[in-house]
C-alpha atoms as a PDB file:
ATOM      1  CA  MET A   1      25.122  11.242  82.447  1.00  0.00           C
ATOM      2  CA  LYS A   2      28.899  11.438  82.573  1.00  0.00           C
ATOM      3  CA  LYS A   3      30.580  11.319  85.972  1.00  0.00           C
ATOM      4  CA  GLY A   4      32.226  14.702  85.406  1.00  0.00           C
ATOM      5  CA  LYS A   5      28.916  16.351  84.550  1.00  0.00           C
ATOM      6  CA  PHE A   6      27.281  14.853  87.629  1.00  0.00           C
ATOM      7  CA  TYR A   7      30.042  16.306  89.826  1.00  0.00           C
ATOM      8  CA  ILE A   8      29.565  19.732  88.211  1.00  0.00           C
ATOM      9  CA  ILE A   9      25.835  19.588  88.934  1.00  0.00           C
ATOM     10  CA  LEU A  10      26.533  18.686  92.571  1.00  0.00           C
ATOM     11  CA  LYS A  11      28.912  21.632  92.749  1.00  0.00           C
ATOM     12  CA  THR A  12      26.186  23.857  91.323  1.00  0.00           C
ATOM     13  CA  LEU A  13      23.810  22.641  94.032  1.00  0.00           C
ATOM     14  CA  ARG A  14      26.450  23.521  96.680  1.00  0.00           C
ATOM     15  CA  VAL A  15      25.963  20.254  98.537  1.00  0.00           C
ATOM     16  CA  ASN A  16      28.679  21.295 100.983  1.00  0.00           C
ATOM     17  CA  GLN A  17      26.312  23.961 102.306  1.00  0.00           C
ATOM     18  CA  TRP A  18      23.542  21.493 103.161  1.00  0.00           C
ATOM     19  CA  ILE A  19      25.061  21.398 106.652  1.00  0.00           C
ATOM     20  CA  LYS A  20      23.038  24.552 107.391  1.00  0.00           C
ATOM     21  CA  ASN A  21      19.825  22.541 107.132  1.00  0.00           C
ATOM     22  CA  LEU A  22      20.721  20.468 110.204  1.00  0.00           C
ATOM     23  CA  VAL A  23      18.888  23.217 112.118  1.00  0.00           C
ATOM     24  CA  VAL A  24      15.736  21.317 111.095  1.00  0.00           C
ATOM     25  CA  PHE A  25      16.603  18.719 113.777  1.00  0.00           C
ATOM     26  CA  THR A  26      16.546  21.280 116.631  1.00  0.00           C
ATOM     27  CA  ALA A  27      13.015  20.514 117.825  1.00  0.00           C
ATOM     28  CA  VAL A  28      13.351  16.720 117.847  1.00  0.00           C
ATOM     29  CA  ILE A  29      16.778  16.767 119.541  1.00  0.00           C
ATOM     30  CA  PHE A  30      15.969  19.221 122.332  1.00  0.00           C
ATOM     31  CA  SER A  31      12.517  17.774 123.012  1.00  0.00           C
ATOM     32  CA  GLY A  32      14.014  14.376 123.859  1.00  0.00           C
ATOM     33  CA  HIS A  33      12.612  12.439 120.894  1.00  0.00           C
ATOM     34  CA  LEU A  34      15.701  11.984 118.728  1.00  0.00           C
ATOM     35  CA  PHE A  35      15.708   8.199 119.103  1.00  0.00           C
ATOM     36  CA  GLU A  36      12.044   7.736 118.218  1.00  0.00           C
ATOM     37  CA  LEU A  37      12.555   6.343 114.729  1.00  0.00           C
ATOM     38  CA  ASP A  38       9.259   7.410 113.146  1.00  0.00           C
ATOM     39  CA  ILE A  39       9.590  11.053 114.240  1.00  0.00           C
ATOM     40  CA  THR A  40      13.294  11.294 113.385  1.00  0.00           C
ATOM     41  CA  LEU A  41      12.737   9.787 109.932  1.00  0.00           C
ATOM     42  CA  THR A  42      10.021  12.346 109.246  1.00  0.00           C
ATOM     43  CA  VAL A  43      12.368  15.160 110.279  1.00  0.00           C
ATOM     44  CA  PHE A  44      15.123  13.637 108.131  1.00  0.00           C
ATOM     45  CA  TYR A  45      12.843  13.719 105.085  1.00  0.00           C
ATOM     46  CA  ALA A  46      12.034  17.356 105.891  1.00  0.00           C
ATOM     47  CA  PHE A  47      15.776  17.989 106.081  1.00  0.00           C
ATOM     48  CA  LEU A  48      16.181  16.566 102.558  1.00  0.00           C
ATOM     49  CA  VAL A  49      13.387  18.817 101.277  1.00  0.00           C
ATOM     50  CA  PHE A  50      15.163  21.855 102.688  1.00  0.00           C
ATOM     51  CA  CYS A  51      18.416  20.695 101.125  1.00  0.00           C
ATOM     52  CA  LEU A  52      16.685  20.778  97.733  1.00  0.00           C
ATOM     53  CA  LEU A  53      15.096  24.157  98.493  1.00  0.00           C
ATOM     54  CA  SER A  54      18.473  25.558  99.549  1.00  0.00           C
ATOM     55  CA  SER A  55      20.077  24.280  96.357  1.00  0.00           C
ATOM     56  CA  ALA A  56      17.279  25.871  94.333  1.00  0.00           C
ATOM     57  CA  SER A  57      18.015  29.209  96.001  1.00  0.00           C
ATOM     58  CA  TYR A  58      21.749  28.859  95.257  1.00  0.00           C
ATOM     59  CA  VAL A  59      21.094  28.074  91.581  1.00  0.00           C
ATOM     60  CA  LEU A  60      18.718  31.032  91.337  1.00  0.00           C
ATOM     61  CA  ASN A  61      21.297  33.310  92.934  1.00  0.00           C
ATOM     62  CA  ASP A  62      24.031  32.126  90.552  1.00  0.00           C
ATOM     63  CA  ILE A  63      21.779  32.684  87.526  1.00  0.00           C
ATOM     64  CA  ILE A  64      20.966  36.234  88.618  1.00  0.00           C
ATOM     65  CA  ASP A  65      24.598  37.018  89.552  1.00  0.00           C
ATOM     66  CA  TYR A  66      26.037  35.415  86.414  1.00  0.00           C
ATOM     67  CA  PRO A  67      27.305  38.692  84.849  1.00  0.00           C
ATOM     68  CA  TYR A  68      28.976  39.764  88.106  1.00  0.00           C
ATOM     69  CA  ASP A  69      30.364  36.358  89.105  1.00  0.00           C
ATOM     70  CA  LYS A  70      32.250  36.126  85.801  1.00  0.00           C
ATOM     71  CA  LYS A  71      34.337  39.120  86.907  1.00  0.00           C
ATOM     72  CA  HIS A  72      34.872  37.934  90.496  1.00  0.00           C
ATOM     73  CA  PRO A  73      38.327  36.386  91.246  1.00  0.00           C
ATOM     74  CA  VAL A  74      36.806  33.407  93.111  1.00  0.00           C
ATOM     75  CA  LYS A  75      33.160  33.161  92.020  1.00  0.00           C
ATOM     76  CA  LYS A  76      34.184  33.031  88.358  1.00  0.00           C
ATOM     77  CA  ASN A  77      35.064  29.356  88.953  1.00  0.00           C
ATOM     78  CA  ARG A  78      31.489  28.442  89.869  1.00  0.00           C
ATOM     79  CA  PRO A  79      29.903  26.121  87.261  1.00  0.00           C
ATOM     80  CA  ILE A  80      27.384  28.672  85.970  1.00  0.00           C
ATOM     81  CA  ALA A  81      29.794  31.622  85.930  1.00  0.00           C
ATOM     82  CA  SER A  82      32.476  29.536  84.215  1.00  0.00           C
ATOM     83  CA  GLY A  83      30.071  28.241  81.569  1.00  0.00           C
ATOM     84  CA  LYS A  84      30.289  24.583  82.608  1.00  0.00           C
ATOM     85  CA  ILE A  85      26.550  24.773  83.262  1.00  0.00           C
ATOM     86  CA  SER A  86      24.661  26.892  80.744  1.00  0.00           C
ATOM     87  CA  ILE A  87      21.920  29.317  81.778  1.00  0.00           C
ATOM     88  CA  PRO A  88      19.178  27.141  80.142  1.00  0.00           C
ATOM     89  CA  GLU A  89      20.529  24.071  81.985  1.00  0.00           C
ATOM     90  CA  ALA A  90      20.647  25.989  85.267  1.00  0.00           C
ATOM     91  CA  THR A  91      17.098  27.258  84.731  1.00  0.00           C
ATOM     92  CA  PHE A  92      15.902  23.691  84.124  1.00  0.00           C
ATOM     93  CA  ILE A  93      17.653  22.504  87.315  1.00  0.00           C
ATOM     94  CA  LEU A  94      16.059  25.381  89.251  1.00  0.00           C
ATOM     95  CA  PHE A  95      12.597  24.504  87.912  1.00  0.00           C
ATOM     96  CA  ILE A  96      12.931  20.789  88.747  1.00  0.00           C
ATOM     97  CA  LEU A  97      14.277  21.440  92.259  1.00  0.00           C
ATOM     98  CA  SER A  98      11.573  23.989  93.082  1.00  0.00           C
ATOM     99  CA  ILE A  99       8.616  21.986  91.768  1.00  0.00           C
ATOM    100  CA  PHE A 100       9.796  18.654  93.161  1.00  0.00           C
ATOM    101  CA  SER A 101      10.551  19.994  96.657  1.00  0.00           C
ATOM    102  CA  LEU A 102       7.234  21.874  96.874  1.00  0.00           C
ATOM    103  CA  VAL A 103       5.243  18.852  95.673  1.00  0.00           C
ATOM    104  CA  VAL A 104       6.983  16.593  98.194  1.00  0.00           C
ATOM    105  CA  SER A 105       6.358  19.128 100.977  1.00  0.00           C
ATOM    106  CA  LEU A 106       2.598  18.709 100.416  1.00  0.00           C
ATOM    107  CA  PHE A 107       2.893  15.099 101.621  1.00  0.00           C
ATOM    108  CA  PHE A 108       3.870  16.395 105.077  1.00  0.00           C
ATOM    109  CA  SER A 109       1.186  19.022 105.687  1.00  0.00           C
ATOM    110  CA  VAL A 110      -0.258  22.212 104.257  1.00  0.00           C
ATOM    111  CA  GLU A 111       1.599  24.167 106.950  1.00  0.00           C
ATOM    112  CA  PHE A 112       4.931  22.648 105.928  1.00  0.00           C
ATOM    113  CA  PHE A 113       4.184  23.347 102.259  1.00  0.00           C
ATOM    114  CA  LEU A 114       3.409  27.002 103.011  1.00  0.00           C
ATOM    115  CA  LEU A 115       6.629  27.346 105.007  1.00  0.00           C
ATOM    116  CA  CYS A 116       8.637  25.819 102.136  1.00  0.00           C
ATOM    117  CA  PHE A 117       6.925  28.105  99.643  1.00  0.00           C
ATOM    118  CA  ILE A 118       7.635  31.195 101.763  1.00  0.00           C
ATOM    119  CA  PHE A 119      11.247  30.018 102.208  1.00  0.00           C
ATOM    120  CA  LEU A 120      11.681  29.763  98.438  1.00  0.00           C
ATOM    121  CA  LEU A 121       9.909  33.089  97.865  1.00  0.00           C
ATOM    122  CA  LEU A 122      12.084  34.804 100.474  1.00  0.00           C
ATOM    123  CA  HIS A 123      15.250  33.595  98.747  1.00  0.00           C
ATOM    124  CA  PHE A 124      13.851  34.633  95.378  1.00  0.00           C
ATOM    125  CA  PHE A 125      13.371  38.218  96.580  1.00  0.00           C
ATOM    126  CA  TYR A 126      16.698  38.034  98.410  1.00  0.00           C
ATOM    127  CA  SER A 127      18.562  37.146  95.217  1.00  0.00           C
ATOM    128  CA  LEU A 128      16.721  39.762  93.165  1.00  0.00           C
ATOM    129  CA  TYR A 129      16.536  42.669  95.562  1.00  0.00           C
ATOM    130  CA  LEU A 130      16.965  42.203  99.319  1.00  0.00           C
ATOM    131  CA  LYS A 131      20.628  41.166  99.278  1.00  0.00           C
ATOM    132  CA  LYS A 132      21.450  44.649  97.981  1.00  0.00           C
ATOM    133  CA  LYS A 133      20.007  46.271 101.097  1.00  0.00           C
ATOM    134  CA  PRO A 134      22.363  46.618 104.083  1.00  0.00           C
ATOM    135  CA  VAL A 135      21.162  45.131 107.411  1.00  0.00           C
ATOM    136  CA  ILE A 136      18.074  43.725 105.686  1.00  0.00           C
ATOM    137  CA  ASP A 137      20.313  41.249 103.852  1.00  0.00           C
ATOM    138  CA  ILE A 138      21.671  39.705 107.068  1.00  0.00           C
ATOM    139  CA  PHE A 139      18.209  39.613 108.660  1.00  0.00           C
ATOM    140  CA  VAL A 140      16.906  37.626 105.686  1.00  0.00           C
ATOM    141  CA  ILE A 141      19.684  35.079 106.248  1.00  0.00           C
ATOM    142  CA  SER A 142      18.705  34.833 109.915  1.00  0.00           C
ATOM    143  CA  PHE A 143      15.017  34.403 109.061  1.00  0.00           C
ATOM    144  CA  SER A 144      15.899  31.549 106.713  1.00  0.00           C
ATOM    145  CA  PHE A 145      17.615  29.723 109.590  1.00  0.00           C
ATOM    146  CA  MET A 146      14.615  30.268 111.843  1.00  0.00           C
ATOM    147  CA  MET A 147      12.310  28.919 109.138  1.00  0.00           C
ATOM    148  CA  ARG A 148      14.399  25.749 109.049  1.00  0.00           C
ATOM    149  CA  ALA A 149      13.966  25.427 112.816  1.00  0.00           C
ATOM    150  CA  PHE A 150      10.201  25.995 112.560  1.00  0.00           C
ATOM    151  CA  ALA A 151      10.047  23.379 109.806  1.00  0.00           C
ATOM    152  CA  GLY A 152      11.372  20.851 112.306  1.00  0.00           C
ATOM    153  CA  GLU A 153       8.697  21.964 114.750  1.00  0.00           C
ATOM    154  CA  ILE A 154       5.934  21.515 112.193  1.00  0.00           C
ATOM    155  CA  VAL A 155       6.879  18.021 111.033  1.00  0.00           C
ATOM    156  CA  SER A 156       7.823  16.677 114.476  1.00  0.00           C
ATOM    157  CA  GLY A 157       5.035  18.310 116.469  1.00  0.00           C
ATOM    158  CA  TRP A 158       7.449  19.339 119.236  1.00  0.00           C
ATOM    159  CA  HIS A 159       8.039  22.866 120.449  1.00  0.00           C
ATOM    160  CA  ILE A 160      11.357  24.752 120.487  1.00  0.00           C
ATOM    161  CA  PRO A 161      11.792  26.924 123.632  1.00  0.00           C
ATOM    162  CA  ILE A 162      11.795  30.657 122.944  1.00  0.00           C
ATOM    163  CA  TRP A 163      15.334  31.196 124.271  1.00  0.00           C
ATOM    164  CA  LEU A 164      16.633  28.509 121.926  1.00  0.00           C
ATOM    165  CA  ILE A 165      14.826  30.167 119.013  1.00  0.00           C
ATOM    166  CA  LEU A 166      16.453  33.468 119.978  1.00  0.00           C
ATOM    167  CA  THR A 167      19.832  31.737 120.133  1.00  0.00           C
ATOM    168  CA  ILE A 168      19.350  30.552 116.538  1.00  0.00           C
ATOM    169  CA  PHE A 169      18.174  34.024 115.528  1.00  0.00           C
ATOM    170  CA  PHE A 170      21.094  35.941 117.040  1.00  0.00           C
ATOM    171  CA  GLY A 171      23.622  33.224 116.179  1.00  0.00           C
ATOM    172  CA  SER A 172      22.726  33.343 112.494  1.00  0.00           C
ATOM    173  CA  LEU A 173      22.825  37.151 112.582  1.00  0.00           C
ATOM    174  CA  PHE A 174      26.332  36.882 114.041  1.00  0.00           C
ATOM    175  CA  MET A 175      27.398  34.499 111.273  1.00  0.00           C
ATOM    176  CA  ALA A 176      25.918  36.749 108.575  1.00  0.00           C
ATOM    177  CA  ALA A 177      27.439  39.946 109.999  1.00  0.00           C
ATOM    178  CA  ILE A 178      30.873  38.401 110.350  1.00  0.00           C
ATOM    179  CA  LYS A 179      30.644  37.060 106.796  1.00  0.00           C
ATOM    180  CA  ARG A 180      29.988  40.590 105.537  1.00  0.00           C
ATOM    181  CA  GLN A 181      32.962  41.759 107.602  1.00  0.00           C
ATOM    182  CA  ALA A 182      35.176  39.158 105.918  1.00  0.00           C
ATOM    183  CA  GLU A 183      33.934  40.085 102.451  1.00  0.00           C
ATOM    184  CA  LEU A 184      34.610  43.756 103.120  1.00  0.00           C
ATOM    185  CA  SER A 185      38.099  43.153 104.509  1.00  0.00           C
ATOM    186  CA  VAL A 186      39.198  40.614 101.885  1.00  0.00           C
ATOM    187  CA  ARG A 187      37.468  41.720  98.676  1.00  0.00           C
ATOM    188  CA  GLY A 188      36.426  45.278  99.459  1.00  0.00           C
ATOM    189  CA  ARG A 189      33.080  46.834  98.564  1.00  0.00           C
ATOM    190  CA  SER A 190      33.126  45.262  95.109  1.00  0.00           C
ATOM    191  CA  ALA A 191      32.402  41.841  96.656  1.00  0.00           C
ATOM    192  CA  ARG A 192      28.651  42.570  96.847  1.00  0.00           C
ATOM    193  CA  GLU A 193      26.393  45.570  96.312  1.00  0.00           C
ATOM    194  CA  SER A 194      25.189  45.901  99.907  1.00  0.00           C
ATOM    195  CA  LEU A 195      28.777  46.433 101.088  1.00  0.00           C
ATOM    196  CA  PHE A 196      28.790  49.898  99.524  1.00  0.00           C
ATOM    197  CA  ASN A 197      26.521  50.928 102.414  1.00  0.00           C
ATOM    198  CA  TYR A 198      28.444  49.100 105.135  1.00  0.00           C
ATOM    199  CA  LYS A 199      31.373  50.505 107.064  1.00  0.00           C
ATOM    200  CA  ALA A 200      33.918  48.371 108.886  1.00  0.00           C
ATOM    201  CA  ASN A 201      33.195  49.872 112.309  1.00  0.00           C
ATOM    202  CA  PHE A 202      29.440  49.350 111.850  1.00  0.00           C
ATOM    203  CA  LEU A 203      29.992  45.703 110.949  1.00  0.00           C
ATOM    204  CA  ASP A 204      32.223  45.387 114.009  1.00  0.00           C
ATOM    205  CA  PHE A 205      29.361  46.776 116.103  1.00  0.00           C
ATOM    206  CA  LEU A 206      26.890  44.300 114.599  1.00  0.00           C
ATOM    207  CA  THR A 207      29.297  41.413 115.119  1.00  0.00           C
ATOM    208  CA  TYR A 208      29.944  42.270 118.777  1.00  0.00           C
ATOM    209  CA  THR A 209      26.245  42.862 119.431  1.00  0.00           C
ATOM    210  CA  PHE A 210      25.039  39.624 117.878  1.00  0.00           C
ATOM    211  CA  ALA A 211      27.836  37.577 119.474  1.00  0.00           C
ATOM    212  CA  THR A 212      26.857  38.960 122.894  1.00  0.00           C
ATOM    213  CA  THR A 213      23.120  38.428 122.408  1.00  0.00           C
ATOM    214  CA  THR A 214      23.759  34.869 121.194  1.00  0.00           C
ATOM    215  CA  ILE A 215      25.661  34.045 124.384  1.00  0.00           C
ATOM    216  CA  ILE A 216      23.030  35.738 126.576  1.00  0.00           C
ATOM    217  CA  SER A 217      20.132  33.955 124.849  1.00  0.00           C
ATOM    218  CA  TYR A 218      21.827  30.574 125.114  1.00  0.00           C
ATOM    219  CA  SER A 219      22.698  31.211 128.768  1.00  0.00           C
ATOM    220  CA  PHE A 220      19.068  32.033 129.531  1.00  0.00           C
ATOM    221  CA  TYR A 221      18.024  28.853 127.726  1.00  0.00           C
ATOM    222  CA  THR A 222      20.360  26.677 129.778  1.00  0.00           C
ATOM    223  CA  TYR A 223      19.256  28.279 133.049  1.00  0.00           C
ATOM    224  CA  LEU A 224      15.510  28.669 132.511  1.00  0.00           C
ATOM    225  CA  GLU A 225      14.676  25.529 130.526  1.00  0.00           C
ATOM    226  CA  LYS A 226      14.630  22.078 132.081  1.00  0.00           C
ATOM    227  CA  PRO A 227      16.057  19.247 130.000  1.00  0.00           C
ATOM    228  CA  PRO A 228      13.322  16.834 128.900  1.00  0.00           C
ATOM    229  CA  VAL A 229      12.970  13.775 131.110  1.00  0.00           C
ATOM    230  CA  VAL A 230      14.048  10.743 129.078  1.00  0.00           C
ATOM    231  CA  GLN A 231      13.911   7.545 131.083  1.00  0.00           C
ATOM    232  CA  THR A 232      17.090   5.492 130.560  1.00  0.00           C
ATOM    233  CA  VAL A 233      18.963   2.706 132.355  1.00  0.00           C
ATOM    234  CA  PHE A 234      21.101   5.374 134.026  1.00  0.00           C
ATOM    235  CA  THR A 235      18.200   7.444 135.396  1.00  0.00           C
ATOM    236  CA  ASP A 236      17.779   5.564 138.693  1.00  0.00           C
ATOM    237  CA  PHE A 237      21.553   5.366 139.177  1.00  0.00           C
ATOM    238  CA  PHE A 238      22.043   9.117 138.976  1.00  0.00           C
ATOM    239  CA  LYS A 239      18.953   9.770 141.075  1.00  0.00           C
ATOM    240  CA  GLY A 240      20.545   7.634 143.768  1.00  0.00           C
ATOM    241  CA  ILE A 241      23.698   9.765 143.749  1.00  0.00           C
ATOM    242  CA  PHE A 242      21.933  13.106 143.212  1.00  0.00           C
ATOM    243  CA  PRO A 243      18.297  12.968 144.402  1.00  0.00           C
ATOM    244  CA  ASP A 244      17.561  16.233 142.607  1.00  0.00           C
ATOM    245  CA  PHE A 245      19.764  15.466 139.588  1.00  0.00           C
ATOM    246  CA  GLU A 246      17.165  16.430 136.982  1.00  0.00           C
ATOM    247  CA  ALA A 247      16.442  19.740 138.703  1.00  0.00           C
ATOM    248  CA  ARG A 248      20.041  20.902 138.442  1.00  0.00           C
ATOM    249  CA  LYS A 249      20.996  23.297 135.660  1.00  0.00           C
ATOM    250  CA  TRP A 250      23.329  20.868 133.873  1.00  0.00           C
ATOM    251  CA  PHE A 251      22.900  22.527 130.492  1.00  0.00           C
ATOM    252  CA  MET A 252      24.875  25.478 131.859  1.00  0.00           C
ATOM    253  CA  ILE A 253      28.122  23.498 131.655  1.00  0.00           C
ATOM    254  CA  THR A 254      27.911  23.876 127.857  1.00  0.00           C
ATOM    255  CA  ILE A 255      28.028  27.702 127.990  1.00  0.00           C
ATOM    256  CA  PRO A 256      31.875  27.820 127.879  1.00  0.00           C
ATOM    257  CA  LEU A 257      31.793  25.732 124.699  1.00  0.00           C
ATOM    258  CA  ILE A 258      29.465  28.235 123.037  1.00  0.00           C
ATOM    259  CA  VAL A 259      31.625  31.147 124.163  1.00  0.00           C
ATOM    260  CA  TYR A 260      34.781  29.465 122.882  1.00  0.00           C
ATOM    261  CA  GLY A 261      33.117  28.511 119.586  1.00  0.00           C
ATOM    262  CA  ILE A 262      32.106  32.114 118.942  1.00  0.00           C
ATOM    263  CA  ALA A 263      35.548  33.377 119.965  1.00  0.00           C
ATOM    264  CA  ARG A 264      37.309  30.823 117.743  1.00  0.00           C
ATOM    265  CA  TYR A 265      35.106  31.713 114.776  1.00  0.00           C
ATOM    266  CA  ALA A 266      35.873  35.405 115.293  1.00  0.00           C
ATOM    267  CA  GLN A 267      39.580  34.602 115.547  1.00  0.00           C
ATOM    268  CA  LEU A 268      39.488  32.820 112.193  1.00  0.00           C
ATOM    269  CA  LEU A 269      37.837  35.854 110.675  1.00  0.00           C
ATOM    270  CA  TYR A 270      40.050  38.569 112.082  1.00  0.00           C
ATOM    271  CA  GLU A 271      43.375  36.728 111.950  1.00  0.00           C
ATOM    272  CA  LYS A 272      42.987  34.560 108.852  1.00  0.00           C
ATOM    273  CA  ALA A 273      40.155  36.334 107.020  1.00  0.00           C
ATOM    274  CA  GLU A 274      38.292  33.090 106.405  1.00  0.00           C
ATOM    275  CA  GLY A 275      34.763  34.189 107.243  1.00  0.00           C
ATOM    276  CA  GLU A 276      33.598  34.301 103.624  1.00  0.00           C
ATOM    277  CA  ARG A 277      32.847  30.570 103.622  1.00  0.00           C
ATOM    278  CA  PRO A 278      31.391  29.605 107.021  1.00  0.00           C
ATOM    279  CA  GLU A 279      30.707  26.006 105.987  1.00  0.00           C
ATOM    280  CA  LYS A 280      34.441  25.577 105.213  1.00  0.00           C
ATOM    281  CA  ILE A 281      35.430  26.962 108.612  1.00  0.00           C
ATOM    282  CA  VAL A 282      33.009  24.713 110.498  1.00  0.00           C
ATOM    283  CA  THR A 283      34.136  21.549 108.708  1.00  0.00           C
ATOM    284  CA  THR A 284      37.906  22.124 108.457  1.00  0.00           C
ATOM    285  CA  ASP A 285      39.084  23.997 111.555  1.00  0.00           C
ATOM    286  CA  ILE A 286      40.010  21.297 114.076  1.00  0.00           C
ATOM    287  CA  PRO A 287      39.562  23.317 117.318  1.00  0.00           C
ATOM    288  CA  LEU A 288      36.178  24.656 116.194  1.00  0.00           C
ATOM    289  CA  LEU A 289      35.026  21.285 114.870  1.00  0.00           C
ATOM    290  CA  ALA A 290      36.099  19.582 118.110  1.00  0.00           C
ATOM    291  CA  THR A 291      34.186  22.178 120.127  1.00  0.00           C
ATOM    292  CA  ILE A 292      31.017  21.606 118.109  1.00  0.00           C
ATOM    293  CA  ILE A 293      31.302  17.835 118.468  1.00  0.00           C
ATOM    294  CA  LEU A 294      31.964  18.093 122.220  1.00  0.00           C
ATOM    295  CA  TRP A 295      28.991  20.428 122.619  1.00  0.00           C
ATOM    296  CA  GLY A 296      26.758  18.036 120.668  1.00  0.00           C
ATOM    297  CA  VAL A 297      27.898  14.988 122.612  1.00  0.00           C
ATOM    298  CA  THR A 298      27.386  16.824 125.921  1.00  0.00           C
ATOM    299  CA  ILE A 299      23.879  17.978 124.996  1.00  0.00           C
ATOM    300  CA  VAL A 300      22.818  14.530 123.768  1.00  0.00           C
ATOM    301  CA  SER A 301      24.324  12.905 126.882  1.00  0.00           C
ATOM    302  CA  LEU A 302      22.510  15.268 129.252  1.00  0.00           C
ATOM    303  CA  ILE A 303      19.187  14.710 127.509  1.00  0.00           C
ATOM    304  CA  TYR A 304      19.315  11.039 126.576  1.00  0.00           C
ATOM    305  CA  ILE A 305      21.749   9.347 128.978  1.00  0.00           C
ATOM    306  CA  PHE A 306      21.877  11.136 132.319  1.00  0.00           C
END
């Protein structure tokens, strides 16, 4: 296979959007078992399976939207819409990705296989029908994020607290609603069919609502849930300084980072109209990227070091 063709196939798979599948690691990180190699490797393999499933859903979507993408000012450059990948080639890629990922999922457990199958089925109906339905379309996106989180639960065997699940649920709804807002403001209602039934003020309402509920859910998580007790070389040291160190609500110090991250994301949407490609925003905006890294380092430090 030529190098150029391989790059086109990777572009078709939208590898840059695999970052969304990091949600699979939620259970193992927040349960305090990230550095247990056998569990983390299992979750990593599950992450790869969901990367393939996600790519299958993107290829399916591009095949179905082929006639419309050809007329879109930006999407017309996608490999399938531009003709660099033919429909038969794309169909073959879709078939291989779907079958291979589902077969591999059976090596984990029947429960994981069923979740993967439902995930693929959900995206199939989303591409064919559900993405045309206002409100339902953004809820499907949110459910797909929650399924990734539950996949991590299944393969790791560790539970995700309910308030953290709700944070993922409302956070993904916020991201989906604000993406629709960006599409409507930048491309108008022609960007996607469901936008014909959306109004700007309604999308504003959804965005404000889901941003608020995300912050509230995360705040409840930080206050109500105790960090897992991970015995480290620093544990006795901090207990000597703060006898009740582990009982303190240290997770709450990360709330401002979440609030700023949401505010910064909204700023990028409303001031620069860049909400159409969330993965680009997350990986290229320095203030937002720094906030995410700082939040991650703080969370890992509180769980695994202090």
